[in-house]
Protein backbone atom coordinates (compact mmCIF):
# COMPACT_ATOMS: atom_id res chain seq x y z
CA MET A 1 119.94 138.58 41.74
CA GLU A 2 117.21 137.74 39.26
CA SER A 3 117.39 138.99 35.68
CA ASN A 4 114.62 140.18 33.40
CA GLU A 5 115.35 137.12 31.27
CA MET A 6 114.38 134.88 34.18
CA ASP A 7 111.20 136.89 34.68
CA VAL A 8 110.11 136.36 31.06
CA GLU A 9 111.03 132.69 31.29
CA HIS A 10 108.96 132.24 34.42
CA ARG A 11 105.88 133.99 33.09
CA SER A 12 105.73 131.36 30.33
CA TYR A 13 106.10 128.52 32.84
CA ASN A 14 103.41 125.85 32.70
CA LEU A 15 102.65 123.29 35.38
CA ASN A 16 102.29 120.58 32.74
CA THR A 17 106.04 120.78 32.13
CA ALA A 18 106.83 120.06 35.76
CA GLY A 19 108.00 116.72 37.16
CA CYS A 20 105.67 113.75 36.84
CA ASN A 21 104.20 113.95 40.34
CA ARG A 22 103.89 117.76 40.35
CA SER A 23 102.15 117.90 36.98
CA ILE A 24 98.60 119.10 37.47
CA GLY A 25 97.31 119.17 33.92
CA ASP A 26 93.99 120.74 34.95
CA GLU A 27 93.41 124.49 35.10
CA LEU A 28 90.91 123.86 37.87
CA PHE A 29 93.81 123.13 40.21
CA ALA A 30 96.24 125.81 38.94
CA ASP A 31 96.78 129.33 40.25
CA TYR A 32 96.10 131.75 37.40
CA LEU A 33 99.03 134.08 38.20
CA THR A 34 101.92 131.82 39.21
CA ALA A 35 100.98 128.46 37.61
CA LEU A 36 101.50 126.81 40.99
CA GLY A 37 98.72 124.80 42.54
CA ASN A 38 95.73 126.50 44.18
CA ARG A 39 93.59 125.77 47.22
CA ARG A 40 91.52 123.25 45.27
CA LEU A 41 94.66 121.21 44.72
CA LEU A 42 95.36 121.25 48.43
CA ASP A 43 91.88 119.89 49.10
CA LYS A 44 92.45 117.21 46.46
CA LEU A 45 95.72 116.20 48.11
CA ASP A 46 93.90 116.00 51.42
CA SER A 47 91.47 113.48 49.94
CA GLU A 48 94.40 111.46 48.61
CA TRP A 49 96.06 111.44 52.04
CA GLN A 50 92.89 110.23 53.71
CA SER A 51 92.52 107.41 51.22
CA ARG A 52 96.14 106.35 51.58
CA ARG A 53 95.91 106.61 55.35
CA ASP A 54 92.74 104.54 55.47
CA GLY A 55 94.36 101.97 53.20
CA ALA A 56 97.53 101.97 55.32
CA GLN A 57 99.67 101.73 52.19
CA ASP A 58 103.38 101.08 52.63
CA SER A 59 104.17 104.07 50.44
CA MET A 60 102.48 106.44 52.86
CA ILE A 61 104.67 109.44 53.53
CA ALA A 62 104.11 111.63 56.59
CA PRO A 63 103.63 115.01 54.90
CA ALA A 64 104.78 118.31 56.36
CA LEU A 65 103.37 121.67 55.43
CA ILE A 66 105.26 124.98 55.21
CA LEU A 67 103.12 128.13 55.16
CA ILE A 68 105.07 131.08 53.72
CA ASP A 69 104.11 134.73 54.01
CA LEU A 70 106.08 137.48 52.29
CA ASP A 71 107.35 140.34 54.46
CA ARG A 72 107.14 143.92 53.16
CA PHE A 73 105.21 142.82 50.06
CA LYS A 74 102.38 145.29 50.71
CA HIS A 75 104.94 148.09 50.42
CA VAL A 76 105.78 146.84 46.90
CA ASN A 77 102.13 147.04 45.82
CA ASP A 78 101.63 150.41 47.50
CA THR A 79 104.72 152.06 46.01
CA LEU A 80 105.30 150.29 42.68
CA GLY A 81 101.80 149.12 41.82
CA HIS A 82 100.04 145.78 41.54
CA PRO A 83 101.46 144.83 38.10
CA VAL A 84 104.97 144.93 39.56
CA GLY A 85 103.70 143.08 42.64
CA ASP A 86 102.33 140.36 40.37
CA GLN A 87 105.72 139.97 38.69
CA VAL A 88 107.35 139.63 42.12
CA LEU A 89 104.86 136.89 43.01
CA GLN A 90 105.73 135.05 39.78
CA LEU A 91 109.43 135.23 40.58
CA VAL A 92 108.75 134.05 44.14
CA ALA A 93 106.83 131.08 42.74
CA ALA A 94 109.74 130.20 40.44
CA ARG A 95 112.20 130.26 43.33
CA ILE A 96 109.95 128.07 45.45
CA GLU A 97 109.45 125.59 42.61
CA ASN A 98 113.19 125.29 42.07
CA VAL A 99 113.68 123.94 45.61
CA LEU A 100 111.12 121.14 45.48
CA ARG A 101 111.46 117.40 44.88
CA GLU A 102 109.08 115.42 42.69
CA GLU A 103 106.95 114.35 45.67
CA ASP A 104 106.54 117.94 46.91
CA VAL A 105 103.88 120.43 45.81
CA ALA A 106 103.86 124.23 45.89
CA ILE A 107 100.57 126.09 46.18
CA ARG A 108 99.60 129.74 46.23
CA LEU A 109 96.77 130.23 48.69
CA GLY A 110 96.15 133.79 47.58
CA GLY A 111 97.72 137.22 47.98
CA ASP A 112 101.30 136.74 49.14
CA GLU A 113 100.71 133.45 50.98
CA PHE A 114 102.19 130.20 49.69
CA VAL A 115 102.11 126.62 50.91
CA VAL A 116 104.79 124.02 50.30
CA VAL A 117 103.72 120.46 51.05
CA LEU A 118 106.66 118.11 51.49
CA GLY A 119 105.77 114.49 50.77
CA ALA A 120 102.46 115.50 49.26
CA ARG A 121 102.50 112.52 46.94
CA PRO A 122 104.28 109.17 46.88
CA ALA A 123 107.61 109.16 45.09
CA SER A 124 107.69 107.59 41.63
CA SER A 125 108.83 104.03 41.03
CA ALA A 126 112.26 105.36 40.16
CA CYS A 127 112.59 106.70 43.68
CA ILE A 128 113.13 104.79 46.90
CA ARG A 129 109.79 104.25 48.62
CA ARG A 130 109.88 104.31 52.36
CA LYS A 131 107.82 105.37 55.31
CA VAL A 132 108.90 108.71 56.73
CA HIS A 133 108.52 109.34 60.43
CA ALA A 134 106.67 112.57 61.30
CA ASN A 135 109.69 113.90 63.20
CA ASP A 136 111.91 113.33 60.16
CA ALA A 137 109.37 115.14 58.00
CA ILE A 138 109.43 118.16 60.32
CA ALA A 139 113.22 118.19 60.39
CA ALA A 140 113.29 118.10 56.59
CA ALA A 141 110.69 120.89 56.49
CA GLU A 142 112.88 123.07 58.70
CA CYS A 143 115.80 122.66 56.33
CA VAL A 144 113.62 123.50 53.33
CA ALA A 145 112.07 126.49 55.14
CA GLU A 146 115.51 127.89 55.94
CA ARG A 147 116.56 127.50 52.32
CA LEU A 148 113.35 129.09 51.05
CA ILE A 149 113.58 132.08 53.39
CA GLY A 150 117.16 132.69 52.30
CA LEU A 151 116.23 132.35 48.64
CA LEU A 152 113.11 134.53 48.78
CA THR A 153 114.97 137.26 50.68
CA LYS A 154 117.48 137.76 47.86
CA PRO A 155 116.83 140.87 45.73
CA TYR A 156 114.53 140.79 42.69
CA LEU A 157 115.24 142.77 39.52
CA ILE A 158 112.20 143.95 37.58
CA ASP A 159 112.46 146.54 34.81
CA SER A 160 115.97 147.44 36.01
CA GLN A 161 114.62 148.12 39.50
CA GLN A 162 115.86 146.18 42.53
CA ILE A 163 113.15 145.05 44.92
CA ASN A 164 113.81 143.69 48.40
CA ILE A 165 111.27 141.70 50.37
CA GLY A 166 111.51 138.98 53.00
CA ALA A 167 109.70 135.84 54.03
CA SER A 168 108.56 134.11 57.21
CA ALA A 169 107.35 130.53 57.54
CA GLY A 170 105.26 128.36 59.81
CA ILE A 171 105.65 124.56 59.80
CA ALA A 172 103.15 121.88 60.76
CA GLY A 173 103.14 118.14 60.36
CA PHE A 174 100.65 115.33 59.78
CA SER A 175 99.94 113.79 63.20
CA ASP A 176 97.28 112.18 65.37
CA GLU A 177 96.07 115.68 66.26
CA ALA A 178 96.39 117.04 62.71
CA THR A 179 94.98 114.52 60.25
CA SER A 180 93.57 116.98 57.71
CA VAL A 181 94.71 119.93 55.64
CA ASP A 182 92.50 122.35 57.54
CA VAL A 183 94.05 121.45 60.88
CA MET A 184 97.58 121.47 59.47
CA LEU A 185 96.99 124.89 57.91
CA ARG A 186 95.66 126.24 61.20
CA HIS A 187 98.71 124.89 63.03
CA ALA A 188 101.07 126.31 60.40
CA ASP A 189 99.32 129.66 60.59
CA LEU A 190 99.81 129.78 64.36
CA ALA A 191 103.48 128.95 63.87
CA LEU A 192 103.79 131.62 61.17
CA TYR A 193 102.27 134.21 63.49
CA ALA A 194 104.81 133.28 66.16
CA ALA A 195 107.66 133.58 63.64
CA LYS A 196 106.53 137.08 62.68
CA GLN A 197 106.15 138.07 66.32
CA ASN A 198 109.73 136.97 66.91
CA GLY A 199 111.12 139.30 64.28
CA LYS A 200 110.14 137.97 60.83
CA GLY A 201 112.59 136.45 58.38
CA ARG A 202 112.53 133.14 60.24
CA HIS A 203 110.55 129.93 60.61
CA GLN A 204 108.68 128.39 63.53
CA VAL A 205 107.49 124.82 64.03
CA PHE A 206 104.02 124.38 65.47
CA ASP A 207 103.91 123.52 69.15
CA PRO A 208 100.70 122.83 71.12
CA SER A 209 101.55 125.77 73.39
CA LEU A 210 101.02 128.09 70.40
CA GLU A 211 97.39 127.04 70.29
CA ALA A 212 96.96 127.90 73.96
CA ARG A 213 98.62 131.28 73.37
CA ALA A 214 96.35 131.92 70.40
CA GLN A 215 93.28 131.18 72.51
CA ALA A 216 94.55 133.53 75.22
CA ARG A 217 95.21 136.22 72.63
CA ARG A 218 91.72 135.74 71.19
CA GLN A 219 90.20 136.18 74.64
CA LEU A 220 92.30 139.29 75.22
CA GLU A 221 91.07 140.67 71.92
CA ILE A 222 87.46 140.09 72.98
CA ASP A 223 88.13 141.79 76.31
CA LEU A 224 89.90 144.69 74.61
CA ARG A 225 87.02 145.37 72.23
CA ARG A 226 84.63 145.27 75.17
CA ALA A 227 86.88 147.62 77.16
CA ILE A 228 86.69 150.16 74.33
CA ARG A 229 82.93 149.88 74.23
CA LEU A 230 82.51 150.11 78.02
CA GLU A 231 85.24 152.75 78.46
CA GLU A 232 87.35 150.75 80.89
CA PHE A 233 90.43 152.82 80.10
CA ALA A 234 91.89 155.68 82.09
CA VAL A 235 94.59 158.26 81.44
CA VAL A 236 97.18 159.04 84.10
CA TYR A 237 99.65 161.90 84.01
CA GLN A 238 103.37 161.83 84.87
CA PRO A 239 104.91 165.21 85.71
CA GLN A 240 107.85 166.64 83.78
CA ILE A 241 110.14 169.30 85.24
CA ALA A 242 112.78 171.71 83.95
CA LEU A 243 116.18 170.79 85.42
CA GLU A 244 117.35 174.39 85.43
CA ASN A 245 114.94 175.47 88.19
CA LYS A 246 112.89 172.33 88.99
CA ALA A 247 109.76 174.08 87.69
CA LEU A 248 106.86 171.98 86.45
CA THR A 249 106.57 172.18 82.64
CA GLY A 250 103.83 169.67 81.89
CA PHE A 251 102.65 166.07 82.05
CA GLU A 252 102.91 162.99 79.86
CA ALA A 253 99.55 161.31 79.31
CA LEU A 254 99.80 157.54 79.84
CA LEU A 255 97.08 155.03 79.03
CA ARG A 256 95.97 152.50 81.63
CA TRP A 257 93.54 149.58 81.43
CA VAL A 258 92.17 147.95 84.55
CA SER A 259 89.96 145.04 83.53
CA PRO A 260 87.19 144.01 85.94
CA GLU A 261 88.19 140.36 85.41
CA ARG A 262 91.94 140.55 84.76
CA GLY A 263 92.95 143.54 86.86
CA PRO A 264 95.65 145.92 85.55
CA ILE A 265 96.93 145.01 82.08
CA SER A 266 100.27 146.35 80.88
CA PRO A 267 100.22 148.65 77.82
CA ASP A 268 103.05 146.49 76.45
CA GLN A 269 100.50 143.70 76.29
CA PHE A 270 97.41 145.40 74.89
CA ILE A 271 98.79 148.25 72.73
CA PRO A 272 100.45 145.90 70.16
CA LEU A 273 97.20 143.93 70.00
CA ALA A 274 95.19 147.13 69.50
CA GLU A 275 97.55 148.08 66.66
CA GLU A 276 97.21 144.67 65.07
CA ILE A 277 93.40 144.57 65.09
CA GLY A 278 92.98 148.20 64.06
CA GLU A 279 91.50 149.48 67.32
CA ILE A 280 94.46 151.77 68.02
CA HIS A 281 92.78 154.54 66.02
CA ALA A 282 89.74 154.64 68.30
CA ILE A 283 91.89 154.34 71.42
CA GLY A 284 94.28 157.03 70.19
CA ARG A 285 91.46 159.49 69.47
CA TRP A 286 89.99 158.88 72.92
CA VAL A 287 93.33 159.39 74.70
CA LEU A 288 94.01 162.60 72.76
CA ARG A 289 90.60 164.03 73.63
CA GLU A 290 90.85 163.06 77.30
CA ALA A 291 94.36 164.49 77.64
CA CYS A 292 93.41 167.77 75.98
CA HIS A 293 90.31 168.12 78.18
CA GLU A 294 92.43 167.65 81.31
CA ALA A 295 95.19 170.00 80.13
CA LEU A 296 92.60 172.73 79.68
CA LEU A 297 92.08 172.64 83.48
CA TRP A 298 95.78 173.20 84.24
CA PRO A 299 97.72 176.49 84.36
CA GLU A 300 98.34 177.87 80.87
CA SER A 301 102.10 177.41 81.21
CA LEU A 302 101.75 173.60 81.29
CA ARG A 303 101.52 171.35 78.27
CA VAL A 304 100.44 167.76 77.78
CA SER A 305 102.43 165.15 75.90
CA VAL A 306 100.51 162.40 74.09
CA ASN A 307 102.03 159.22 72.66
CA VAL A 308 101.13 158.30 69.10
CA SER A 309 101.31 154.83 67.54
CA PRO A 310 102.95 154.37 64.14
CA ILE A 311 99.65 152.88 62.97
CA GLN A 312 97.86 156.16 63.68
CA LEU A 313 100.19 157.91 61.26
CA ASP A 314 99.14 155.48 58.53
CA ASP A 315 95.76 157.17 58.68
CA GLY A 316 95.72 160.02 56.18
CA GLY A 317 93.40 161.95 58.48
CA PHE A 318 95.68 162.06 61.53
CA VAL A 319 96.54 165.77 61.26
CA GLU A 320 92.89 166.65 60.82
CA THR A 321 91.98 164.52 63.85
CA VAL A 322 94.51 166.35 66.06
CA LEU A 323 93.52 169.82 64.89
CA ASP A 324 89.78 169.08 65.16
CA THR A 325 90.26 167.76 68.70
CA LEU A 326 92.16 170.88 69.77
CA ALA A 327 89.48 173.11 68.25
CA GLU A 328 86.67 171.12 69.85
CA VAL A 329 88.28 171.21 73.30
CA GLY A 330 89.62 174.73 73.01
CA LEU A 331 93.24 173.86 73.87
CA PRO A 332 95.88 176.00 72.12
CA PRO A 333 98.13 173.90 69.83
CA THR A 334 101.22 175.23 71.64
CA ARG A 335 100.13 173.31 74.75
CA LEU A 336 100.22 169.93 73.00
CA GLU A 337 103.24 167.74 72.33
CA ILE A 338 103.04 164.62 70.15
CA GLU A 339 105.44 161.81 71.10
CA LEU A 340 106.43 159.04 68.74
CA THR A 341 109.11 156.39 68.57
CA GLU A 342 111.53 155.77 65.75
CA GLY A 343 109.32 152.92 64.53
CA ALA A 344 106.75 155.49 63.42
CA LEU A 345 109.32 157.04 61.09
CA MET A 346 110.55 153.89 59.36
CA LYS A 347 107.54 153.35 57.10
CA ASN A 348 106.37 155.76 54.43
CA THR A 349 108.86 158.40 55.56
CA THR A 350 107.68 161.12 53.18
CA ALA A 351 104.03 160.90 54.27
CA VAL A 352 104.98 160.86 57.96
CA ARG A 353 107.28 163.86 57.56
CA ARG A 354 104.52 165.79 55.79
CA GLN A 355 102.10 165.13 58.65
CA LEU A 356 104.58 166.07 61.36
CA GLU A 357 105.54 169.26 59.54
CA ALA A 358 101.86 170.19 59.27
CA LEU A 359 101.42 169.71 63.02
CA HIS A 360 104.62 171.64 63.74
CA ASP A 361 103.45 174.50 61.52
CA HIS A 362 100.37 174.79 63.72
CA GLY A 363 102.55 175.19 66.83
CA ILE A 364 102.39 171.59 68.09
CA ASP A 365 105.68 170.27 69.47
CA ILE A 366 107.02 166.93 68.23
CA ALA A 367 109.14 164.69 70.49
CA MET A 368 111.10 161.53 69.65
CA ASP A 369 110.54 158.97 72.41
CA ASP A 370 113.11 156.35 73.52
CA PHE A 371 115.96 158.12 71.76
CA GLY A 372 119.11 156.03 71.42
CA THR A 373 117.42 152.64 71.16
CA GLY A 374 116.96 152.61 67.36
CA TYR A 375 119.28 152.46 64.38
CA SER A 376 118.72 155.70 62.50
CA SER A 377 117.82 158.28 65.11
CA LEU A 378 120.48 160.76 64.03
CA SER A 379 119.26 160.94 60.43
CA TYR A 380 115.69 161.31 61.66
CA LEU A 381 116.66 164.32 63.77
CA HIS A 382 117.76 166.00 60.57
CA GLU A 383 114.71 164.98 58.52
CA PHE A 384 111.86 165.61 60.97
CA PRO A 385 110.77 168.72 62.90
CA PHE A 386 111.59 167.53 66.42
CA SER A 387 111.54 170.04 69.24
CA ARG A 388 112.50 167.54 71.92
CA ILE A 389 114.23 164.17 72.23
CA LYS A 390 113.54 161.89 75.19
CA ILE A 391 116.57 159.98 76.46
CA ASP A 392 115.50 156.38 77.00
CA GLN A 393 115.35 155.29 80.64
CA SER A 394 117.75 152.41 79.94
CA PHE A 395 120.55 155.00 79.68
CA VAL A 396 119.41 156.89 82.79
CA ARG A 397 119.15 153.82 85.03
CA ARG A 398 122.46 152.24 84.06
CA GLU A 399 125.32 152.23 86.50
CA ARG A 400 127.02 155.59 86.20
CA ASP A 401 130.31 154.65 84.55
CA ALA A 402 132.42 156.45 81.97
CA THR A 403 130.63 154.80 79.04
CA THR A 404 127.17 155.74 80.28
CA GLU A 405 128.28 159.30 81.00
CA ALA A 406 129.72 159.57 77.51
CA LEU A 407 126.57 158.19 75.82
CA VAL A 408 124.17 160.42 77.74
CA GLY A 409 126.48 163.40 77.28
CA ALA A 410 126.62 162.75 73.53
CA ILE A 411 122.82 162.69 73.26
CA ILE A 412 122.52 165.92 75.23
CA GLY A 413 125.28 167.46 73.11
CA ILE A 414 123.48 166.52 69.90
CA GLY A 415 120.34 168.17 71.24
CA LYS A 416 122.21 171.37 72.09
CA SER A 417 123.91 171.52 68.70
CA LEU A 418 120.59 171.14 66.87
CA GLY A 419 118.64 173.42 69.17
CA ILE A 420 116.51 170.53 70.41
CA GLN A 421 115.55 170.14 74.05
CA THR A 422 116.33 166.90 75.89
CA LEU A 423 114.23 165.09 78.50
CA ALA A 424 115.53 162.17 80.55
CA GLU A 425 113.01 159.40 81.30
CA GLY A 426 113.01 157.07 84.30
CA VAL A 427 114.82 159.31 86.79
CA GLU A 428 114.61 157.55 90.15
CA THR A 429 117.44 158.91 92.30
CA GLU A 430 118.90 162.29 93.25
CA GLU A 431 122.25 161.10 91.94
CA GLN A 432 120.77 160.53 88.48
CA LEU A 433 119.04 163.90 88.55
CA GLN A 434 122.18 165.79 89.54
CA ALA A 435 124.30 164.02 86.91
CA LEU A 436 121.80 164.92 84.19
CA GLN A 437 121.67 168.49 85.43
CA LEU A 438 125.46 168.80 85.30
CA GLN A 439 125.52 167.43 81.74
CA GLY A 440 123.04 170.07 80.61
CA CYS A 441 119.92 167.97 80.14
CA THR A 442 116.89 170.24 79.75
CA SER A 443 114.20 168.35 81.67
CA ALA A 444 113.28 165.08 83.36
CA GLN A 445 110.51 162.78 84.48
CA GLY A 446 110.46 159.66 86.64
CA TYR A 447 109.48 158.22 90.00
CA LEU A 448 111.83 160.58 91.85
CA ILE A 449 109.62 163.45 90.72
CA SER A 450 106.32 161.58 90.86
CA HIS A 451 104.59 158.39 89.89
CA PRO A 452 101.90 158.84 87.20
CA LEU A 453 98.90 160.60 88.75
CA ALA A 454 95.18 160.08 88.31
CA ALA A 455 93.47 163.07 86.72
CA ASP A 456 91.87 164.11 90.01
CA ALA A 457 95.26 164.14 91.75
CA VAL A 458 96.97 166.54 89.36
CA ASP A 459 95.62 169.73 90.97
CA ALA A 460 96.90 168.68 94.39
CA PHE A 461 100.35 167.95 92.92
CA ILE A 462 100.50 171.36 91.23
CA SER A 463 99.47 173.07 94.46
CA LYS A 464 102.10 171.15 96.43
CA LEU A 465 104.86 172.25 94.05
CA ARG A 466 103.74 175.85 94.29
CA ARG A 467 103.89 175.75 98.08
CA ALA A 468 107.34 174.14 97.97
CA ALA A 469 108.57 176.90 95.67
């Protein structure tokens, strides 16, 4: 753990006191906050590499580049303020600098992004000069990246306050395809993105397939933005029934995208992208309005359940959006249920709780989706105003053994004890339905009851159930 003494020591650090080959000695090439190098230095190193490469000098080292991005750093700035964030960045820079050799250079690109260039400069005459194969350089970069991630993840102590962040890294090497800093940075950025997609707190080496994936993602982003503009989306509705009497209680609104060029695209593919590029707000508002309009056409006893992304809750105007939509459409708040996963509760807990309580106070039901798949669901049930928990379909579809029975029974028992209804997702067989009924589950949805229905098929389904009753 870092001490305040180390913090003071680092803030007085000057690049001119660094090793001979890392000494910059020119403020033009130094980052004002951390005293590491800046982007200008990276460009200068690029010129040096090109000259050495053109001259085919024996001392040429195949450089490797590590692009580092801090995880959860934005939360530090948002909660503790930018001055504390700046001190964290200075401590991060000190930890990075402590790992490097004399021929390596550390650079802050800006914000919470850093670059470490291994073999940026030839070793001094006191060091052994040798050519380094590109593969060896990448292998060395992986070792350094692992060490850096471990080091940067350790707690920081600032003004007697412990701060925890993480780090992810992308690695790229100097090669026939990447002979400049710009190309290496682009490759490292693609690798960094892949590392973050795979769970953060890890490193990824650039692979040509990442470039192909990035191009495919870029095309999907273009198609997604066009789909929003041309209204290529549709909402379908999956029925939910009460297990006590098999009566219809409502429908879950599910978003679908059928692209004219691509055909049906899974929500698992386009929803994360929409969240990443900020379009989930527009999509979420559209789905809410469509679902409320449709629900207004149903019998008054039925409600509609709408899924909400964690990103939507980051918007301070979410409650106002929901209430304005209900007022505009004319749907009573008691006929709307908002569904969210545990992921929506993990960030900015106080603000999320305040929003959910405001919705609940207006008569809107709140449901936790995919219950049992997270780490802190039980504590969330106590903290948030849930009226229903949805048992994840992975529990429902498992082979019915003693362990599964016990897990499902425990979830249902928790719901009963807290006065919270339970709904089982993914019910596909009569055996599953009967088992859930015997255990006291409140309601269910799944293919056994009905596949998701187009809006114009809902009336026929309601009429069919009435005739069957």
